[in-house]
């Protein structure tokens, strides 16, 4: 099976990733996944491109720790997180989070937990290209609030920060 955390410029095949996640395992009763796309519009503006940067090594370690937390909380059997970096256009895939667990509830919860964790703790930097120029995207208060549902705190967000979810 490929590495469970991959940071890459290339697109990914969701179906192939889900098939690889399950493999021939028979102890998996559910696979839940989330695929994020680049939006062409935010609350503030039209977006013609999104550029993502990361800190190689540190980013993968942070996401691997997130998966470890999901395993401990929800009994995740397998997981994969693929996050793209570089310049992406509206409609392109940006992230895949997929988890396999014994039961659907745990799979859904783990998938949502990982996305909430990614939004607040993964070391990525996002820059939107708009008609007004380029701007860095700050974390949002709503992202911190989503993470708080899991009993975790984050203070990354600037109130009313532009950008997406």
N, C-alpha and C. Protein backbone atom coordinates (compact mmCIF):
# COMPACT_ATOMS: atom_id res chain seq x y z
N UNK A 1 0.85 -1.18 0.00
CA UNK A 1 0.00 0.00 0.00
C UNK A 1 0.89 1.25 0.00
N UNK A 2 0.52 2.27 -0.76
CA UNK A 2 1.32 3.50 -0.78
C UNK A 2 1.31 4.18 0.59
N UNK A 3 2.20 5.12 0.77
CA UNK A 3 2.26 5.89 2.02
C UNK A 3 0.89 6.46 2.33
N UNK A 4 0.56 6.53 3.60
CA UNK A 4 -0.77 7.01 3.95
C UNK A 4 -0.86 8.52 4.02
N UNK A 5 0.26 9.22 3.96
CA UNK A 5 0.27 10.67 3.85
C UNK A 5 1.10 11.02 2.62
N UNK A 6 0.45 11.71 1.69
CA UNK A 6 1.16 12.11 0.47
C UNK A 6 0.88 13.57 0.18
N UNK A 7 1.94 14.34 0.00
CA UNK A 7 1.84 15.73 -0.41
C UNK A 7 2.40 15.76 -1.82
N UNK A 8 1.60 16.22 -2.77
CA UNK A 8 2.02 16.10 -4.17
C UNK A 8 1.40 17.19 -5.01
N UNK A 9 2.03 17.46 -6.14
CA UNK A 9 1.47 18.41 -7.11
C UNK A 9 0.46 17.72 -8.02
N UNK A 10 0.69 16.47 -8.32
CA UNK A 10 -0.16 15.73 -9.27
C UNK A 10 -1.54 15.45 -8.70
N UNK A 11 -2.51 15.35 -9.59
CA UNK A 11 -3.87 14.96 -9.23
C UNK A 11 -3.86 13.51 -8.75
N UNK A 12 -4.97 13.07 -8.22
CA UNK A 12 -5.11 11.69 -7.75
C UNK A 12 -6.43 11.11 -8.23
N UNK A 13 -6.50 9.79 -8.27
CA UNK A 13 -7.69 9.07 -8.70
C UNK A 13 -8.41 8.59 -7.44
N UNK A 14 -9.53 9.20 -7.12
CA UNK A 14 -10.25 8.88 -5.88
C UNK A 14 -10.63 7.41 -5.83
N UNK A 15 -11.16 6.86 -6.92
CA UNK A 15 -11.57 5.45 -6.94
C UNK A 15 -10.40 4.51 -6.68
N UNK A 16 -9.28 4.78 -7.31
CA UNK A 16 -8.10 3.93 -7.11
C UNK A 16 -7.60 4.03 -5.67
N UNK A 17 -7.65 5.23 -5.11
CA UNK A 17 -7.19 5.41 -3.73
C UNK A 17 -8.09 4.66 -2.74
N UNK A 18 -9.41 4.70 -2.97
CA UNK A 18 -10.33 3.99 -2.08
C UNK A 18 -10.16 2.49 -2.20
N UNK A 19 -9.95 2.00 -3.41
CA UNK A 19 -9.73 0.56 -3.61
C UNK A 19 -8.44 0.13 -2.91
N UNK A 20 -7.39 0.92 -3.03
CA UNK A 20 -6.14 0.57 -2.38
C UNK A 20 -6.27 0.61 -0.86
N UNK A 21 -7.07 1.55 -0.35
CA UNK A 21 -7.27 1.67 1.09
C UNK A 21 -7.90 0.40 1.65
N UNK A 22 -8.90 -0.09 0.98
CA UNK A 22 -9.59 -1.29 1.44
C UNK A 22 -8.76 -2.53 1.19
N UNK A 23 -8.16 -2.62 0.01
CA UNK A 23 -7.37 -3.80 -0.33
C UNK A 23 -8.20 -5.06 -0.20
N UNK A 24 -7.60 -6.10 0.33
CA UNK A 24 -8.30 -7.38 0.50
C UNK A 24 -8.75 -7.58 1.93
N UNK A 25 -8.74 -6.54 2.73
CA UNK A 25 -9.09 -6.66 4.15
C UNK A 25 -10.56 -7.02 4.31
N UNK A 26 -10.85 -7.90 5.24
CA UNK A 26 -12.23 -8.28 5.53
C UNK A 26 -12.68 -7.79 6.90
N UNK A 27 -11.81 -7.08 7.61
CA UNK A 27 -12.18 -6.53 8.92
C UNK A 27 -12.68 -5.09 8.81
N UNK A 28 -12.87 -4.63 7.60
CA UNK A 28 -13.35 -3.28 7.35
C UNK A 28 -14.83 -3.35 6.97
N UNK A 29 -15.64 -2.59 7.70
CA UNK A 29 -17.06 -2.57 7.41
C UNK A 29 -17.52 -1.29 6.74
N UNK A 30 -16.63 -0.27 6.74
CA UNK A 30 -17.02 1.02 6.16
C UNK A 30 -15.78 1.80 5.73
N UNK A 31 -15.93 2.50 4.63
CA UNK A 31 -14.93 3.45 4.16
C UNK A 31 -15.64 4.78 3.97
N UNK A 32 -15.12 5.81 4.60
CA UNK A 32 -15.68 7.15 4.43
C UNK A 32 -14.59 8.03 3.85
N UNK A 33 -15.01 8.94 2.98
CA UNK A 33 -14.01 9.81 2.37
C UNK A 33 -14.56 11.21 2.15
N UNK A 34 -13.62 12.12 2.04
CA UNK A 34 -13.93 13.51 1.72
C UNK A 34 -12.96 13.94 0.64
N UNK A 35 -13.49 14.54 -0.40
CA UNK A 35 -12.66 15.10 -1.46
C UNK A 35 -12.94 16.60 -1.53
N UNK A 36 -11.91 17.40 -1.32
CA UNK A 36 -12.06 18.84 -1.38
C UNK A 36 -11.66 19.36 -2.74
N UNK A 37 -12.38 20.39 -3.19
CA UNK A 37 -12.14 21.01 -4.50
C UNK A 37 -11.82 22.49 -4.33
N UNK A 38 -11.08 23.01 -5.27
CA UNK A 38 -10.80 24.45 -5.28
C UNK A 38 -12.04 25.17 -5.78
N UNK A 39 -12.51 26.13 -4.99
CA UNK A 39 -13.67 26.93 -5.39
C UNK A 39 -13.23 28.12 -6.22
N UNK A 40 -14.09 28.51 -7.13
CA UNK A 40 -13.82 29.69 -7.94
C UNK A 40 -14.38 30.96 -7.34
N UNK A 41 -15.11 30.83 -6.24
CA UNK A 41 -15.71 32.00 -5.59
C UNK A 41 -15.59 31.83 -4.09
N UNK A 42 -15.31 32.90 -3.39
CA UNK A 42 -15.37 32.93 -1.94
C UNK A 42 -16.43 33.95 -1.55
N UNK A 43 -16.61 34.16 -0.27
CA UNK A 43 -17.56 35.18 0.18
C UNK A 43 -17.13 36.56 -0.30
N UNK A 44 -15.83 36.74 -0.48
CA UNK A 44 -15.31 38.06 -0.81
C UNK A 44 -15.10 38.30 -2.30
N UNK A 45 -14.79 37.26 -3.07
CA UNK A 45 -14.26 37.52 -4.40
C UNK A 45 -14.29 36.28 -5.29
N UNK A 46 -14.02 36.51 -6.56
CA UNK A 46 -13.77 35.43 -7.49
C UNK A 46 -12.31 35.01 -7.32
N UNK A 47 -12.07 33.71 -7.46
CA UNK A 47 -10.72 33.17 -7.32
C UNK A 47 -10.36 32.49 -8.63
N UNK A 48 -9.26 32.91 -9.24
CA UNK A 48 -8.84 32.29 -10.49
C UNK A 48 -7.81 31.20 -10.28
N UNK A 49 -7.16 31.19 -9.10
CA UNK A 49 -6.19 30.15 -8.78
C UNK A 49 -5.94 30.15 -7.27
N UNK A 50 -5.49 29.01 -6.79
CA UNK A 50 -5.10 28.85 -5.40
C UNK A 50 -3.72 28.20 -5.40
N UNK A 51 -2.78 28.84 -4.73
CA UNK A 51 -1.43 28.29 -4.65
C UNK A 51 -1.19 27.83 -3.22
N UNK A 52 -0.77 26.57 -3.08
CA UNK A 52 -0.50 26.01 -1.76
C UNK A 52 0.97 25.70 -1.62
N UNK A 53 1.49 26.07 -0.45
CA UNK A 53 2.87 25.77 -0.10
C UNK A 53 2.87 24.98 1.20
N UNK A 54 3.95 24.24 1.42
CA UNK A 54 4.08 23.48 2.65
C UNK A 54 5.55 23.39 3.03
N UNK A 55 5.80 22.87 4.21
CA UNK A 55 7.15 22.66 4.69
C UNK A 55 7.41 21.16 4.62
N UNK A 56 8.14 20.69 3.59
CA UNK A 56 8.35 19.25 3.42
C UNK A 56 8.92 18.59 4.68
N UNK A 57 8.41 17.44 4.96
CA UNK A 57 8.82 16.70 6.15
C UNK A 57 7.96 17.07 7.35
N UNK A 58 7.92 18.33 7.69
CA UNK A 58 7.12 18.77 8.82
C UNK A 58 5.63 18.54 8.54
N UNK A 59 5.18 18.84 7.34
CA UNK A 59 3.77 18.68 7.01
C UNK A 59 3.36 17.22 7.09
N UNK A 60 4.15 16.34 6.51
CA UNK A 60 3.83 14.91 6.54
C UNK A 60 3.79 14.39 7.98
N UNK A 61 4.76 14.80 8.79
CA UNK A 61 4.77 14.35 10.19
C UNK A 61 3.53 14.84 10.95
N UNK A 62 3.13 16.08 10.71
CA UNK A 62 1.95 16.62 11.38
C UNK A 62 0.70 15.84 11.00
N UNK A 63 0.55 15.53 9.72
CA UNK A 63 -0.64 14.80 9.27
C UNK A 63 -0.59 13.36 9.77
N UNK A 64 0.58 12.75 9.79
CA UNK A 64 0.71 11.39 10.33
C UNK A 64 0.28 11.36 11.79
N UNK A 65 0.64 12.39 12.56
CA UNK A 65 0.21 12.47 13.96
C UNK A 65 -1.31 12.60 14.05
N UNK A 66 -1.92 13.34 13.12
CA UNK A 66 -3.37 13.48 13.09
C UNK A 66 -4.03 12.12 12.86
N UNK A 67 -3.47 11.35 11.94
CA UNK A 67 -4.02 10.02 11.67
C UNK A 67 -3.89 9.15 12.91
N UNK A 68 -2.76 9.24 13.61
CA UNK A 68 -2.59 8.49 14.84
C UNK A 68 -3.65 8.83 15.87
N UNK A 69 -3.99 10.10 15.97
CA UNK A 69 -5.05 10.53 16.89
C UNK A 69 -6.40 9.95 16.46
N UNK A 70 -6.68 9.93 15.16
CA UNK A 70 -7.94 9.35 14.67
C UNK A 70 -7.99 7.85 14.95
N UNK A 71 -6.86 7.18 14.81
CA UNK A 71 -6.81 5.74 15.12
C UNK A 71 -7.15 5.51 16.58
N UNK A 72 -6.58 6.30 17.47
CA UNK A 72 -6.82 6.14 18.90
C UNK A 72 -8.27 6.45 19.27
N UNK A 73 -8.84 7.47 18.65
CA UNK A 73 -10.21 7.89 19.01
C UNK A 73 -11.29 7.01 18.39
N UNK A 74 -11.09 6.58 17.16
CA UNK A 74 -12.19 5.98 16.40
C UNK A 74 -11.91 4.56 15.91
N UNK A 75 -10.80 3.98 16.25
CA UNK A 75 -10.51 2.62 15.81
C UNK A 75 -10.31 2.50 14.31
N UNK A 76 -9.73 3.53 13.71
CA UNK A 76 -9.47 3.51 12.27
C UNK A 76 -8.55 2.34 11.95
N UNK A 77 -8.90 1.58 10.91
CA UNK A 77 -8.08 0.44 10.48
C UNK A 77 -7.06 0.85 9.43
N UNK A 78 -7.46 1.74 8.54
CA UNK A 78 -6.57 2.25 7.49
C UNK A 78 -6.95 3.70 7.23
N UNK A 79 -6.01 4.48 6.73
CA UNK A 79 -6.30 5.87 6.39
C UNK A 79 -5.33 6.33 5.31
N UNK A 80 -5.80 7.29 4.54
CA UNK A 80 -4.93 7.96 3.59
C UNK A 80 -5.34 9.43 3.53
N UNK A 81 -4.33 10.30 3.51
CA UNK A 81 -4.54 11.73 3.32
C UNK A 81 -3.62 12.15 2.19
N UNK A 82 -4.22 12.68 1.13
CA UNK A 82 -3.46 13.21 0.01
C UNK A 82 -3.80 14.68 -0.08
N UNK A 83 -2.78 15.51 -0.07
CA UNK A 83 -3.00 16.95 -0.17
C UNK A 83 -2.12 17.47 -1.29
N UNK A 84 -2.72 18.21 -2.19
CA UNK A 84 -1.96 18.77 -3.30
C UNK A 84 -1.36 20.11 -2.92
N UNK A 85 -0.25 20.42 -3.55
CA UNK A 85 0.41 21.70 -3.40
C UNK A 85 0.71 22.25 -4.79
N UNK A 86 1.13 23.49 -4.84
CA UNK A 86 1.40 24.14 -6.12
C UNK A 86 0.20 24.97 -6.53
N UNK A 87 0.16 25.34 -7.79
CA UNK A 87 -0.92 26.19 -8.32
C UNK A 87 -2.07 25.30 -8.80
N UNK A 88 -3.25 25.54 -8.24
CA UNK A 88 -4.45 24.78 -8.58
C UNK A 88 -5.52 25.73 -9.09
N UNK A 89 -6.34 25.24 -9.99
CA UNK A 89 -7.40 26.03 -10.59
C UNK A 89 -8.76 25.63 -10.02
N UNK A 90 -9.75 26.51 -10.10
CA UNK A 90 -11.09 26.17 -9.62
C UNK A 90 -11.58 24.86 -10.25
N UNK A 91 -12.18 24.04 -9.41
CA UNK A 91 -12.71 22.75 -9.85
C UNK A 91 -11.73 21.61 -9.68
N UNK A 92 -10.45 21.91 -9.48
CA UNK A 92 -9.47 20.83 -9.31
C UNK A 92 -9.54 20.27 -7.89
N UNK A 93 -9.19 18.99 -7.77
CA UNK A 93 -9.13 18.35 -6.46
C UNK A 93 -7.92 18.89 -5.70
N UNK A 94 -8.15 19.13 -4.40
CA UNK A 94 -7.08 19.66 -3.55
C UNK A 94 -6.71 18.67 -2.45
N UNK A 95 -7.69 17.93 -1.93
CA UNK A 95 -7.41 17.04 -0.80
C UNK A 95 -8.32 15.82 -0.85
N UNK A 96 -7.77 14.71 -0.40
CA UNK A 96 -8.55 13.50 -0.17
C UNK A 96 -8.23 13.00 1.23
N UNK A 97 -9.26 12.80 2.01
CA UNK A 97 -9.14 12.15 3.31
C UNK A 97 -10.04 10.92 3.23
N UNK A 98 -9.47 9.75 3.46
CA UNK A 98 -10.27 8.52 3.41
C UNK A 98 -9.86 7.64 4.58
N UNK A 99 -10.86 7.08 5.24
CA UNK A 99 -10.60 6.22 6.39
C UNK A 99 -11.45 4.96 6.28
N UNK A 100 -10.88 3.88 6.77
CA UNK A 100 -11.59 2.60 6.83
C UNK A 100 -11.68 2.20 8.30
N UNK A 101 -12.85 1.75 8.68
CA UNK A 101 -13.09 1.33 10.06
C UNK A 101 -14.03 0.13 10.05
N UNK A 102 -14.25 -0.43 11.21
CA UNK A 102 -15.15 -1.58 11.31
C UNK A 102 -16.60 -1.20 11.07
N UNK A 103 -16.95 0.03 11.46
CA UNK A 103 -18.35 0.46 11.38
C UNK A 103 -18.45 1.86 10.77
N UNK A 104 -19.59 2.17 10.17
CA UNK A 104 -19.76 3.43 9.45
C UNK A 104 -19.64 4.66 10.35
N UNK A 105 -20.19 4.59 11.55
CA UNK A 105 -20.14 5.75 12.43
C UNK A 105 -18.70 6.18 12.70
N UNK A 106 -17.86 5.21 13.03
CA UNK A 106 -16.45 5.51 13.30
C UNK A 106 -15.75 6.05 12.05
N UNK A 107 -16.09 5.48 10.90
CA UNK A 107 -15.47 5.94 9.64
C UNK A 107 -15.88 7.39 9.35
N UNK A 108 -17.17 7.70 9.48
CA UNK A 108 -17.63 9.07 9.24
C UNK A 108 -16.98 10.04 10.24
N UNK A 109 -16.99 9.67 11.52
CA UNK A 109 -16.43 10.55 12.54
C UNK A 109 -14.93 10.79 12.31
N UNK A 110 -14.22 9.73 12.01
CA UNK A 110 -12.77 9.87 11.80
C UNK A 110 -12.47 10.74 10.60
N UNK A 111 -13.25 10.60 9.55
CA UNK A 111 -13.04 11.41 8.35
C UNK A 111 -13.30 12.88 8.66
N UNK A 112 -14.38 13.17 9.35
CA UNK A 112 -14.69 14.56 9.70
C UNK A 112 -13.66 15.12 10.67
N UNK A 113 -13.25 14.33 11.64
CA UNK A 113 -12.22 14.74 12.59
C UNK A 113 -10.93 15.10 11.86
N UNK A 114 -10.50 14.25 10.93
CA UNK A 114 -9.26 14.52 10.20
C UNK A 114 -9.36 15.80 9.37
N UNK A 115 -10.49 16.04 8.74
CA UNK A 115 -10.64 17.27 7.97
C UNK A 115 -10.60 18.49 8.89
N UNK A 116 -11.29 18.43 10.02
CA UNK A 116 -11.27 19.55 10.96
C UNK A 116 -9.85 19.79 11.46
N UNK A 117 -9.13 18.73 11.72
CA UNK A 117 -7.75 18.82 12.20
C UNK A 117 -6.85 19.40 11.11
N UNK A 118 -7.03 18.93 9.88
CA UNK A 118 -6.23 19.44 8.75
C UNK A 118 -6.39 20.95 8.59
N UNK A 119 -7.63 21.42 8.69
CA UNK A 119 -7.90 22.84 8.48
C UNK A 119 -7.22 23.73 9.51
N UNK A 120 -6.95 23.20 10.70
CA UNK A 120 -6.40 24.04 11.75
C UNK A 120 -4.95 23.75 12.11
N UNK A 121 -4.47 22.53 11.85
CA UNK A 121 -3.15 22.15 12.33
C UNK A 121 -2.15 21.75 11.25
N UNK A 122 -2.60 21.47 10.06
CA UNK A 122 -1.65 21.07 9.02
C UNK A 122 -0.90 22.30 8.52
N UNK A 123 0.42 22.23 8.46
CA UNK A 123 1.19 23.39 8.03
C UNK A 123 1.19 23.59 6.51
N UNK A 124 0.11 24.19 6.05
CA UNK A 124 -0.02 24.60 4.65
C UNK A 124 -0.24 26.11 4.63
N UNK A 125 0.22 26.74 3.57
CA UNK A 125 -0.03 28.16 3.36
C UNK A 125 -0.72 28.31 2.02
N UNK A 126 -1.84 29.04 2.03
CA UNK A 126 -2.67 29.18 0.84
C UNK A 126 -2.70 30.63 0.38
N UNK A 127 -2.55 30.81 -0.92
CA UNK A 127 -2.61 32.14 -1.51
C UNK A 127 -3.62 32.11 -2.65
N UNK A 128 -4.61 33.00 -2.58
CA UNK A 128 -5.61 33.11 -3.63
C UNK A 128 -5.21 34.16 -4.64
N UNK A 129 -5.49 33.89 -5.91
CA UNK A 129 -5.34 34.87 -6.97
C UNK A 129 -6.74 35.35 -7.33
N UNK A 130 -6.95 36.66 -7.21
CA UNK A 130 -8.27 37.25 -7.46
C UNK A 130 -8.10 38.42 -8.43
N UNK A 131 -9.19 39.01 -8.91
CA UNK A 131 -9.07 40.19 -9.77
C UNK A 131 -8.34 41.35 -9.09
N UNK A 132 -8.35 41.37 -7.76
CA UNK A 132 -7.68 42.45 -7.03
C UNK A 132 -6.21 42.13 -6.75
N UNK A 133 -5.75 40.95 -7.13
CA UNK A 133 -4.38 40.54 -6.87
C UNK A 133 -4.32 39.28 -6.04
N UNK A 134 -3.16 39.04 -5.47
CA UNK A 134 -2.97 37.84 -4.65
C UNK A 134 -3.09 38.20 -3.17
N UNK A 135 -3.61 37.22 -2.39
CA UNK A 135 -3.69 37.42 -0.95
C UNK A 135 -3.56 36.07 -0.26
N UNK A 136 -2.89 36.09 0.89
CA UNK A 136 -2.76 34.89 1.71
C UNK A 136 -4.08 34.65 2.43
N UNK A 137 -4.45 33.40 2.58
CA UNK A 137 -5.70 33.02 3.23
C UNK A 137 -5.40 32.67 4.68
N UNK A 138 -6.09 33.34 5.59
CA UNK A 138 -5.95 33.06 7.02
C UNK A 138 -6.89 31.94 7.43
N UNK A 139 -6.56 31.31 8.54
CA UNK A 139 -7.48 30.35 9.15
C UNK A 139 -8.74 31.11 9.58
N UNK A 140 -9.84 30.38 9.72
CA UNK A 140 -11.10 31.02 10.07
C UNK A 140 -11.58 30.60 11.45
N UNK A 141 -12.31 31.45 12.11
CA UNK A 141 -12.88 31.15 13.42
C UNK A 141 -13.75 29.89 13.32
N UNK A 142 -14.49 29.73 12.24
CA UNK A 142 -15.34 28.55 12.07
C UNK A 142 -14.53 27.26 12.06
N UNK A 143 -13.30 27.31 11.53
CA UNK A 143 -12.44 26.12 11.53
C UNK A 143 -12.02 25.77 12.95
N UNK A 144 -11.66 26.78 13.75
CA UNK A 144 -11.32 26.54 15.15
C UNK A 144 -12.52 25.97 15.91
N UNK A 145 -13.71 26.49 15.64
CA UNK A 145 -14.91 26.01 16.30
C UNK A 145 -15.20 24.56 15.93
N UNK A 146 -14.98 24.19 14.68
CA UNK A 146 -15.20 22.81 14.25
C UNK A 146 -14.26 21.87 15.01
N UNK A 147 -13.03 22.27 15.19
CA UNK A 147 -12.08 21.43 15.91
C UNK A 147 -12.46 21.32 17.38
N UNK A 148 -13.01 22.38 17.94
CA UNK A 148 -13.40 22.39 19.36
C UNK A 148 -14.45 21.32 19.66
N UNK A 149 -15.25 20.94 18.66
CA UNK A 149 -16.25 19.88 18.87
C UNK A 149 -15.60 18.58 19.31
N UNK A 150 -14.32 18.40 18.95
CA UNK A 150 -13.60 17.17 19.27
C UNK A 150 -12.80 17.32 20.57
N UNK A 151 -13.01 18.45 21.29
CA UNK A 151 -12.30 18.66 22.53
C UNK A 151 -10.88 19.15 22.33
N UNK A 152 -10.60 19.70 21.16
CA UNK A 152 -9.26 20.21 20.84
C UNK A 152 -9.34 21.71 20.61
N UNK A 153 -8.30 22.40 21.01
CA UNK A 153 -8.29 23.86 20.87
C UNK A 153 -7.34 24.28 19.77
N UNK A 154 -7.70 25.37 19.13
CA UNK A 154 -6.84 26.00 18.14
C UNK A 154 -7.14 27.49 18.20
N UNK A 155 -6.10 28.27 18.05
CA UNK A 155 -6.28 29.72 18.04
C UNK A 155 -5.59 30.29 16.80
N UNK A 156 -5.75 29.61 15.69
CA UNK A 156 -5.10 30.01 14.45
C UNK A 156 -5.83 31.12 13.72
N UNK A 157 -7.12 31.24 13.96
CA UNK A 157 -7.95 32.04 13.09
C UNK A 157 -7.95 33.51 13.43
N UNK A 158 -8.07 34.28 12.37
CA UNK A 158 -8.34 35.70 12.50
C UNK A 158 -9.83 35.89 12.29
N UNK A 159 -10.51 36.66 13.13
CA UNK A 159 -11.94 36.87 12.92
C UNK A 159 -12.22 37.39 11.51
N UNK A 160 -13.26 36.82 10.91
CA UNK A 160 -13.71 37.24 9.58
C UNK A 160 -12.62 37.08 8.52
N UNK A 161 -11.75 36.10 8.69
CA UNK A 161 -10.69 35.88 7.70
C UNK A 161 -11.29 35.44 6.38
N UNK A 162 -10.78 35.95 5.26
CA UNK A 162 -11.29 35.51 3.97
C UNK A 162 -10.84 34.09 3.68
N UNK A 163 -11.46 33.50 2.71
CA UNK A 163 -11.05 32.17 2.28
C UNK A 163 -12.16 31.16 2.49
N UNK A 164 -11.87 29.95 2.11
CA UNK A 164 -12.90 28.93 2.09
C UNK A 164 -12.85 28.00 3.26
N UNK A 165 -13.71 27.00 3.17
CA UNK A 165 -13.75 25.99 4.20
C UNK A 165 -13.21 24.75 3.61
